[in-house]
Amino acid sequence: MHTTPVWLWRDDRLTERLGHDARVHLKLEVWQRGGSFKIRAALLRALSLDRAALDRGLTAVSAGNHAIAVSHAARIVGSTAKVVMPRTADPFRVERCRELGAEVVIVEDVHQAFTTVRRIETDEGRTFLHPFEGETVALGTAGVGLELIEQSPDLDAVIVPIGGGGLCAGVASAVKQLRPGCKVYGVEPEGADTMSRSLRAGKPVGIERVRTIADSLGAPHSEPYSFALCRRFLDDLVLVSDDELRGAMKLLFEEIHLAVEPAGAAATAAALGPLRDRLRGTRVGLILCGTNISASRFFDSLRARGPEEPPARAEVKAPKT
């Protein structure tokens, strides 16, 4: 596992939208082992298991990044991994899991994937490493927030992508306790607004279907532990469209030559879209959370882009407790 760098991004297109005084700091979790932040919690959990549990093996459900991380972790600790992935998972991610020695089970969608992984856990005695829920997940992802504040201690705001909320739970907890005055904003795709709905409901809820190109952020439901930390520490949560995700992917590719997956561009999309006015002239940290995408899917996403700047829409306010 690596301590990932922070890079100060200077670009004319940034200053046009955020002002000349703005400073954008990119936390490059795309350079983490396995191509995303997920190894932090997966390895922490695997290292906590005894030899008997490791001999029985690990299991996980994921559209890709967590499956890759669990496959890595299993290899590091001398265990085996059996990962369940929806059929829409990027073939690059599926093949990467297999290259790492994992057995891959393909199912119809993420809802079926959770059912299947629980059956594997029961039938085979494997330890289920949850993709976004629990204390170990929050402790692992808190390392991202801790490193970011140590590397860029004067930030005014941090933007964190949200799928199930595990990354945001840890990052927000660390940032708000180390620098209480720093705002923490979550960002979700419009087609996978699980945490937004949960915050409005005041409890964890699910969604019927994931409808976004950012499949890494396509959690079918939220869970109590991560939900509670997000509700406690988030200042606000906004939504971005698939077109905004594509626009951010294109900008990151053209200006700093990073080919990130849609989820990895979510914080950038929020900064240049729904949060633009609030971030003008500030020092902001963006979590670039993942880069596991095939070349064909990456360029297909860019070719499918819609308007350069979609029209503004209402934001989702996160209720405070």
Foldseek 3Di string as FASTA:
>chain_A
DDQFDKDWDDDPVLCVQQNPLEIEIERPQCPPVQRFLLLLLLLLVLVVDDPVQQALAAEEEALASNLLSNLVNNLVNVHAYEYEHEPPRFVLRVVSSVVSPYHYHYDHDRVVRVVVRVVCCVPRVHHYDYRADDDSLLCRLLSSLQSVCVNPVAFQEEEEEAAQQSNVLNNLVNNCVSPVRRAYEYEYAPQACQLLVCLVVVHKDFDDDRDEQQRRSRHRIYDHPSSVSCQARHQFYFYDYLLLLLLQQVCCCVRVNARAGSSLSRQVSCCSAVCSVVNRSGYYYYYRGGRRHDPVVSVVSNVPHDDNHDDDDDTRGRDHD
